[in-house]
Amino acid sequence: MKRLLLLLLVVNTSLFAQDSCLQIKALLDQGNVVEAGKLLDEANDLTCHQLAGEVYMRKGRFDLANESFEKALAQANVNTEEEAASLNSLGIISWNKGDYFKANEFITRALNIRMKLYGENHEKTAASFNDLGLVLGASNPSAALKNYTKALQIYGEIFGEKSQKYAQTKVNIGIIYRGLQEFNKAETNFQDALTIWKKLFPEGHPNEGFIYTNLGLTSNAIGVYSLAESYYNQALEVYKKHYGEKHPEVAATYNLLGNIRNREGEFEEAIGLYHKSLISNSKTFNNTDIELNPEVGSAFNATTMLTTLYFKAQAYEDWHYNVTLKFKDLKNSLNALQSCDTLVDQIRRLQSNEADKLQFGSVASQVLE
């Protein structure tokens, strides 16, 4: 009898876990990251590590996402879709952490598995083409565009040109065109994607924030700063609705808004926005005193925090020389730079490849000048 009861308990627990996983997937598909995260926190002994990793990744908790994806990879059989999915996700995490060499390695392995499993014209293969384009975007834009174009063609054939995956790839292509200074093509791709998202998700979706951000960056690149600021504010509203205040995308958007204010000579307001960015990008820092900075080890996204601290230091220096002439503002600038210096060392220790260290060096050199 005891064995029967134990068996029933195990079965019920397993069914509950499966049901929780299905609910989490449905919430993610709807773009409801907050509720998916709450359900994940409440559930125990979930075996859907890949799905858990996706929740953590969208919440900006790349540390927890990496742990979940590694668990999923350890459970996966060799040369299966499960293995490819875990490798692909680990590649995205590595890319977010600035480890581009490892990201390329993971995603290329995933692509090779999927090519063997499905051939080229399959949505899973298209996903790897798309993510490989993401990794190559900064170093080899023509190769990135080639991979994105392959993904777009496959998604169009399978899902049609009004689908979610098609829209996501249009955004990625737009980013490449902006980098190539083909701004009209960039804006067209972003607007096409935004139209698709609004039809697919009338109640809103966090990906709309990403599109607004890219429209803002495009407007900023051509010097239309008021329009850029409007797009950034729309992005911020979307991100806060879906992610809450504590998220790297919220932090990055505050940075963009701070840059607009700093350009206009509104240094104190810019510093306030950079400080909000630091709060949004820290697990533990919530102090609203703009003269303070978080512990650098508390960052959700270390590279974003490095950028914020550098911007904050510049804004304090500009405020001193152009407005206040107070020594304390120079001291606050120096304090922010000292935090940058500590963070630079921390990020460098995480780099696994010399090429990545050189690429990161272009950012770090601004701090160390």
Protein backbone atom coordinates (compact mmCIF):
# COMPACT_ATOMS: atom_id res chain seq x y z
CA MET A 1 0.00 0.00 0.00
CA LYS A 2 2.83 2.38 0.92
CA ARG A 3 4.53 1.66 -2.41
CA LEU A 4 1.29 2.40 -4.25
CA LEU A 5 0.86 5.71 -2.41
CA LEU A 6 4.48 6.63 -3.12
CA LEU A 7 4.01 5.80 -6.81
CA LEU A 8 0.86 7.93 -6.95
CA LEU A 9 2.71 10.80 -5.29
CA VAL A 10 5.55 10.59 -7.82
CA VAL A 11 3.10 10.47 -10.75
CA ASN A 12 1.10 13.43 -9.43
CA THR A 13 4.27 15.45 -8.83
CA SER A 14 5.45 14.68 -12.36
CA LEU A 15 2.09 15.69 -13.87
CA PHE A 16 2.08 18.91 -11.85
CA ALA A 17 5.59 19.73 -13.06
CA GLN A 18 4.61 19.05 -16.68
CA ASP A 19 1.54 21.24 -16.29
CA SER A 20 3.66 24.04 -14.81
CA CYS A 21 6.07 23.79 -17.74
CA LEU A 22 3.19 24.07 -20.22
CA GLN A 23 1.80 27.09 -18.40
CA ILE A 24 5.22 28.78 -18.36
CA LYS A 25 5.61 28.17 -22.11
CA ALA A 26 2.17 29.65 -22.81
CA LEU A 27 2.99 32.75 -20.76
CA LEU A 28 6.31 33.20 -22.57
CA ASP A 29 4.61 32.86 -25.95
CA GLN A 30 2.30 35.70 -24.89
CA GLY A 31 5.27 37.82 -23.82
CA ASN A 32 4.16 37.69 -20.17
CA VAL A 33 7.62 37.31 -18.66
CA VAL A 34 6.67 38.55 -15.19
CA GLU A 35 3.96 35.93 -14.65
CA ALA A 36 6.13 33.21 -16.18
CA GLY A 37 8.85 34.14 -13.70
CA LYS A 38 6.44 34.02 -10.77
CA LEU A 39 5.22 30.56 -11.78
CA LEU A 40 8.80 29.38 -12.17
CA ASP A 41 9.67 30.66 -8.68
CA GLU A 42 6.63 28.90 -7.17
CA ALA A 43 7.19 25.54 -8.90
CA ASN A 44 9.48 22.87 -7.46
CA ASP A 45 11.53 20.14 -9.15
CA LEU A 46 10.83 21.30 -12.69
CA THR A 47 12.60 19.24 -15.33
CA CYS A 48 12.07 21.72 -18.16
CA HIS A 49 15.48 23.34 -17.68
CA GLN A 50 15.57 24.71 -21.21
CA LEU A 51 12.31 26.56 -20.63
CA ALA A 52 13.46 27.80 -17.24
CA GLY A 53 16.58 29.16 -18.90
CA GLU A 54 14.47 31.08 -21.40
CA VAL A 55 12.50 32.69 -18.55
CA TYR A 56 15.67 33.72 -16.73
CA MET A 57 17.23 35.01 -19.97
CA ARG A 58 14.25 37.23 -20.71
CA LYS A 59 14.34 38.51 -17.15
CA GLY A 60 17.98 39.46 -17.67
CA ARG A 61 19.26 36.88 -15.17
CA PHE A 62 21.94 35.48 -17.45
CA ASP A 63 23.69 33.74 -14.55
CA LEU A 64 20.62 31.64 -13.72
CA ALA A 65 19.82 31.16 -17.41
CA ASN A 66 23.29 29.78 -18.02
CA GLU A 67 22.88 27.28 -15.15
CA SER A 68 19.54 26.08 -16.54
CA PHE A 69 20.83 25.72 -20.10
CA GLU A 70 23.86 23.76 -18.86
CA LYS A 71 21.51 21.40 -16.97
CA ALA A 72 19.43 20.99 -20.13
CA LEU A 73 22.56 20.24 -22.16
CA ALA A 74 23.70 17.65 -19.62
CA GLN A 75 20.33 15.86 -19.90
CA ALA A 76 20.18 15.96 -23.70
CA ASN A 77 21.14 13.01 -25.88
CA VAL A 78 23.91 13.57 -28.42
CA ASN A 79 22.94 14.94 -31.88
CA THR A 80 19.34 15.67 -30.91
CA GLU A 81 17.19 18.79 -31.09
CA GLU A 82 17.42 19.03 -27.31
CA GLU A 83 21.21 19.25 -27.54
CA ALA A 84 21.03 21.80 -30.37
CA ALA A 85 18.53 23.97 -28.48
CA SER A 86 20.72 24.03 -25.37
CA LEU A 87 23.86 24.82 -27.38
CA ASN A 88 22.06 27.60 -29.24
CA SER A 89 20.83 29.14 -25.98
CA LEU A 90 24.28 28.92 -24.38
CA GLY A 91 25.56 30.74 -27.45
CA ILE A 92 23.10 33.59 -26.87
CA ILE A 93 24.12 33.80 -23.20
CA SER A 94 27.80 33.92 -24.19
CA TRP A 95 27.02 36.67 -26.69
CA ASN A 96 25.22 38.69 -24.00
CA LYS A 97 28.25 38.29 -21.73
CA GLY A 98 30.59 39.53 -24.48
CA ASP A 99 32.21 36.15 -25.09
CA TYR A 100 31.78 36.22 -28.88
CA PHE A 101 34.22 33.43 -29.65
CA LYS A 102 32.37 30.97 -27.41
CA ALA A 103 29.01 32.21 -28.71
CA ASN A 104 30.07 31.49 -32.29
CA GLU A 105 31.31 28.05 -31.27
CA PHE A 106 28.07 27.07 -29.48
CA ILE A 107 25.74 28.30 -32.23
CA THR A 108 27.81 26.76 -35.05
CA ARG A 109 27.62 23.40 -33.24
CA ALA A 110 23.85 23.80 -32.94
CA LEU A 111 23.57 24.70 -36.64
CA ASN A 112 25.57 21.63 -37.69
CA ILE A 113 23.33 19.33 -35.64
CA ARG A 114 20.18 20.89 -37.06
CA MET A 115 21.46 20.70 -40.63
CA LYS A 116 21.94 16.94 -40.14
CA LEU A 117 18.55 16.51 -38.46
CA TYR A 118 16.38 18.69 -40.69
CA GLY A 119 18.31 20.02 -43.67
CA GLU A 120 18.48 23.72 -44.47
CA ASN A 121 14.78 24.57 -44.98
CA HIS A 122 13.49 24.06 -41.44
CA GLU A 123 12.48 26.54 -38.74
CA LYS A 124 15.04 25.16 -36.26
CA THR A 125 17.84 25.56 -38.78
CA ALA A 126 16.58 29.06 -39.52
CA ALA A 127 16.81 29.87 -35.80
CA SER A 128 20.49 28.95 -35.80
CA PHE A 129 21.11 30.99 -38.97
CA ASN A 130 19.42 33.93 -37.27
CA ASP A 131 21.43 33.58 -34.05
CA LEU A 132 24.68 33.14 -35.96
CA GLY A 133 23.89 36.42 -37.69
CA LEU A 134 23.45 38.00 -34.27
CA VAL A 135 26.90 36.84 -33.15
CA LEU A 136 28.58 37.97 -36.40
CA GLY A 137 26.82 41.34 -36.54
CA ALA A 138 29.60 43.47 -35.07
CA SER A 139 32.62 41.72 -36.58
CA ASN A 140 31.34 40.69 -40.02
CA PRO A 141 28.11 42.48 -41.03
CA SER A 142 28.04 41.06 -44.57
CA ALA A 143 28.19 37.49 -43.20
CA ALA A 144 25.56 38.40 -40.61
CA LEU A 145 23.26 39.77 -43.32
CA LYS A 146 23.74 36.59 -45.36
CA ASN A 147 22.68 34.44 -42.37
CA TYR A 148 19.71 36.69 -41.57
CA THR A 149 18.56 36.61 -45.17
CA LYS A 150 18.64 32.79 -45.14
CA ALA A 151 16.59 32.75 -41.94
CA LEU A 152 14.09 35.29 -43.34
CA GLN A 153 13.54 33.26 -46.49
CA ILE A 154 12.96 30.05 -44.54
CA TYR A 155 10.59 31.70 -42.05
CA GLY A 156 8.68 33.33 -44.90
CA GLU A 157 8.21 30.01 -46.68
CA ILE A 158 7.11 28.17 -43.52
CA PHE A 159 5.10 30.77 -41.57
CA GLY A 160 4.40 33.56 -44.04
CA GLU A 161 5.47 37.19 -44.01
CA LYS A 162 3.17 38.22 -41.15
CA SER A 163 4.61 35.84 -38.57
CA GLN A 164 6.48 36.45 -35.33
CA LYS A 165 9.72 34.85 -36.47
CA TYR A 166 9.64 36.76 -39.75
CA ALA A 167 9.25 40.03 -37.81
CA GLN A 168 12.12 39.20 -35.45
CA THR A 169 14.44 38.59 -38.36
CA LYS A 170 13.36 41.82 -40.07
CA VAL A 171 14.51 43.70 -36.96
CA ASN A 172 17.90 41.99 -37.06
CA ILE A 173 18.31 42.87 -40.74
CA GLY A 174 17.38 46.47 -39.93
CA ILE A 175 20.17 46.62 -37.33
CA ILE A 176 22.72 45.50 -39.93
CA TYR A 177 21.51 48.12 -42.42
CA ARG A 178 21.79 50.83 -39.78
CA GLY A 179 25.37 49.76 -39.09
CA LEU A 180 26.03 50.06 -42.82
CA GLN A 181 24.45 53.57 -42.70
CA GLU A 182 21.62 52.53 -45.01
CA PHE A 183 19.10 54.26 -42.76
CA ASN A 184 16.04 54.14 -45.03
CA LYS A 185 16.36 50.36 -45.38
CA ALA A 186 16.86 50.07 -41.63
CA GLU A 187 13.75 52.09 -40.78
CA THR A 188 11.65 50.19 -43.33
CA ASN A 189 12.57 46.87 -41.75
CA PHE A 190 11.85 48.18 -38.23
CA GLN A 191 8.49 49.64 -39.20
CA ASP A 192 7.49 46.44 -41.02
CA ALA A 193 8.35 44.42 -37.93
CA LEU A 194 6.46 46.79 -35.61
CA THR A 195 3.33 46.53 -37.76
CA ILE A 196 3.49 42.73 -37.56
CA TRP A 197 4.00 42.72 -33.77
CA LYS A 198 1.07 45.07 -33.16
CA LYS A 199 -1.25 42.83 -35.18
CA LEU A 200 -0.01 39.65 -33.50
CA PHE A 201 -0.07 41.07 -29.95
CA PRO A 202 -2.74 43.79 -29.58
CA GLU A 203 -2.16 43.84 -25.80
CA GLY A 204 1.54 44.51 -26.29
CA HIS A 205 4.74 42.47 -26.22
CA PRO A 206 8.26 43.22 -24.87
CA ASN A 207 9.75 42.85 -28.37
CA GLU A 208 7.97 46.06 -29.32
CA GLY A 209 10.32 47.81 -26.91
CA PHE A 210 13.30 46.47 -28.81
CA ILE A 211 11.87 47.79 -32.09
CA TYR A 212 11.17 51.24 -30.59
CA THR A 213 14.75 51.30 -29.30
CA ASN A 214 16.11 50.57 -32.76
CA LEU A 215 13.89 53.18 -34.37
CA GLY A 216 15.26 55.61 -31.78
CA LEU A 217 18.85 54.65 -32.53
CA THR A 218 18.20 55.15 -36.24
CA SER A 219 16.68 58.60 -35.62
CA ASN A 220 19.62 59.46 -33.39
CA ALA A 221 22.08 58.39 -36.09
CA ILE A 222 20.58 60.85 -38.58
CA GLY A 223 20.41 63.65 -36.01
CA VAL A 224 16.65 63.73 -35.29
CA TYR A 225 17.09 63.71 -31.53
CA SER A 226 13.57 64.67 -30.47
CA LEU A 227 12.13 61.75 -32.43
CA ALA A 228 14.81 59.45 -30.99
CA GLU A 229 13.84 60.51 -27.45
CA SER A 230 10.18 59.83 -28.20
CA TYR A 231 10.99 56.32 -29.40
CA TYR A 232 13.20 55.66 -26.34
CA ASN A 233 10.37 56.70 -24.01
CA GLN A 234 7.99 54.34 -25.80
CA ALA A 235 10.54 51.56 -25.43
CA LEU A 236 10.95 52.31 -21.72
CA GLU A 237 7.20 52.17 -21.19
CA VAL A 238 7.00 48.77 -22.91
CA TYR A 239 9.96 47.31 -21.01
CA LYS A 240 8.72 48.47 -17.61
CA LYS A 241 5.26 47.07 -18.33
CA HIS A 242 6.58 43.61 -19.20
CA TYR A 243 9.78 43.37 -17.14
CA GLY A 244 9.37 45.74 -14.22
CA GLU A 245 12.06 48.22 -13.14
CA LYS A 246 14.87 45.68 -12.61
CA HIS A 247 16.04 44.58 -16.04
CA PRO A 248 19.07 45.27 -18.30
CA GLU A 249 16.85 46.52 -21.15
CA VAL A 250 15.29 49.08 -18.81
CA ALA A 251 18.81 50.10 -17.77
CA ALA A 252 20.03 50.41 -21.36
CA THR A 253 17.03 52.58 -22.26
CA TYR A 254 17.70 54.94 -19.34
CA ASN A 255 21.25 55.28 -20.72
CA LEU A 256 19.92 56.30 -24.12
CA LEU A 257 17.60 58.88 -22.56
CA GLY A 258 20.47 60.17 -20.41
CA ASN A 259 22.60 60.63 -23.52
CA ILE A 260 19.91 62.80 -25.09
CA ARG A 261 19.71 65.02 -21.97
CA ASN A 262 23.51 65.24 -21.73
CA ARG A 263 23.72 66.29 -25.38
CA GLU A 264 21.23 69.08 -24.61
CA GLY A 265 23.40 70.30 -21.72
CA GLU A 266 20.92 69.12 -19.06
CA PHE A 267 23.66 67.41 -17.06
CA GLU A 268 21.89 66.95 -13.74
CA GLU A 269 18.89 65.32 -15.42
CA ALA A 270 21.26 63.09 -17.42
CA ILE A 271 23.01 61.98 -14.23
CA GLY A 272 19.62 61.16 -12.71
CA LEU A 273 18.76 58.95 -15.68
CA TYR A 274 22.14 57.19 -15.55
CA HIS A 275 21.57 56.57 -11.84
CA LYS A 276 18.18 55.01 -12.60
CA SER A 277 20.01 52.80 -15.07
CA LEU A 278 22.39 51.62 -12.35
CA ILE A 279 19.47 50.78 -10.06
CA SER A 280 17.67 48.86 -12.83
CA ASN A 281 20.80 46.89 -13.68
CA SER A 282 21.70 45.87 -10.12
CA LYS A 283 20.34 42.95 -8.14
CA THR A 284 20.80 44.75 -4.81
CA PHE A 285 21.37 48.49 -5.34
CA ASN A 286 18.30 50.71 -4.73
CA ASN A 287 19.76 53.89 -3.25
CA THR A 288 18.44 57.00 -5.03
CA ASP A 289 21.38 59.20 -3.96
CA ILE A 290 22.94 60.07 -7.32
CA GLU A 291 26.40 60.43 -5.78
CA LEU A 292 26.53 56.71 -4.92
CA ASN A 293 27.29 53.74 -7.18
CA PRO A 294 26.44 50.02 -6.84
CA GLU A 295 28.83 47.20 -6.12
CA VAL A 296 30.01 46.17 -9.57
CA GLY A 297 29.47 42.48 -8.81
CA SER A 298 25.73 43.09 -8.50
CA ALA A 299 25.16 43.80 -12.20
CA PHE A 300 22.68 41.84 -14.29
CA ASN A 301 24.68 42.90 -17.35
CA ALA A 302 28.24 43.97 -16.58
CA THR A 303 28.94 45.60 -19.95
CA THR A 304 25.82 47.77 -19.68
CA MET A 305 26.81 48.81 -16.15
CA LEU A 306 30.31 49.69 -17.37
CA THR A 307 28.81 51.91 -20.06
CA THR A 308 26.47 53.57 -17.54
CA LEU A 309 29.27 54.34 -15.08
CA TYR A 310 31.36 55.83 -17.88
CA PHE A 311 28.45 58.01 -19.05
CA LYS A 312 27.78 59.10 -15.47
CA ALA A 313 31.43 60.06 -14.98
CA GLN A 314 31.38 62.11 -18.19
CA ALA A 315 28.16 63.86 -17.20
CA TYR A 316 29.56 64.81 -13.80
CA GLU A 317 32.69 66.19 -15.45
CA ASP A 318 30.60 68.16 -17.98
CA TRP A 319 28.40 69.47 -15.16
CA HIS A 320 31.48 70.67 -13.27
CA TYR A 321 33.17 72.49 -16.14
CA ASN A 322 30.03 73.95 -17.74
CA VAL A 323 27.86 74.77 -14.72
CA THR A 324 28.89 74.25 -11.09
CA LEU A 325 32.71 74.40 -10.86
CA LYS A 326 32.28 72.40 -7.63
CA PHE A 327 35.08 70.05 -6.65
CA LYS A 328 32.60 67.42 -5.42
CA ASP A 329 31.32 66.91 -8.97
CA LEU A 330 34.82 66.07 -10.18
CA LYS A 331 35.14 63.73 -7.19
CA ASN A 332 31.86 62.02 -8.16
CA SER A 333 33.18 61.66 -11.70
CA LEU A 334 36.35 60.04 -10.39
CA ASN A 335 34.37 57.68 -8.14
CA ALA A 336 32.34 56.48 -11.14
CA LEU A 337 35.54 55.95 -13.14
CA GLN A 338 37.08 53.97 -10.28
CA SER A 339 34.03 51.68 -10.34
CA CYS A 340 34.54 51.37 -14.10
CA ASP A 341 38.14 50.33 -13.55
CA THR A 342 37.11 47.58 -11.13
CA LEU A 343 34.43 46.36 -13.53
CA VAL A 344 36.83 46.33 -16.48
CA ASP A 345 39.08 43.91 -14.59
CA GLN A 346 36.12 41.74 -13.70
CA ILE A 347 34.86 41.51 -17.28
CA ARG A 348 38.32 40.79 -18.65
CA ARG A 349 38.67 37.81 -16.31
CA LEU A 350 35.49 36.38 -17.84
CA GLN A 351 36.72 36.65 -21.43
CA SER A 352 37.80 33.24 -22.77
CA ASN A 353 39.36 34.30 -26.07
CA GLU A 354 41.99 36.85 -27.05
CA ALA A 355 39.87 38.25 -29.89
CA ASP A 356 37.06 38.97 -27.44
CA LYS A 357 39.50 40.73 -25.12
CA LEU A 358 40.61 42.94 -27.98
CA GLN A 359 37.02 43.73 -28.95
CA PHE A 360 36.15 44.54 -25.34
CA GLY A 361 39.27 46.66 -25.17
CA SER A 362 37.69 49.22 -27.50
CA VAL A 363 35.12 49.88 -24.79
CA ALA A 364 37.50 49.63 -21.85
CA SER A 365 40.04 51.98 -23.42
CA GLN A 366 37.60 54.90 -23.09
CA VAL A 367 37.54 54.32 -19.34
CA LEU A 368 41.30 54.02 -19.03
CA GLU A 369 42.27 57.07 -21.09
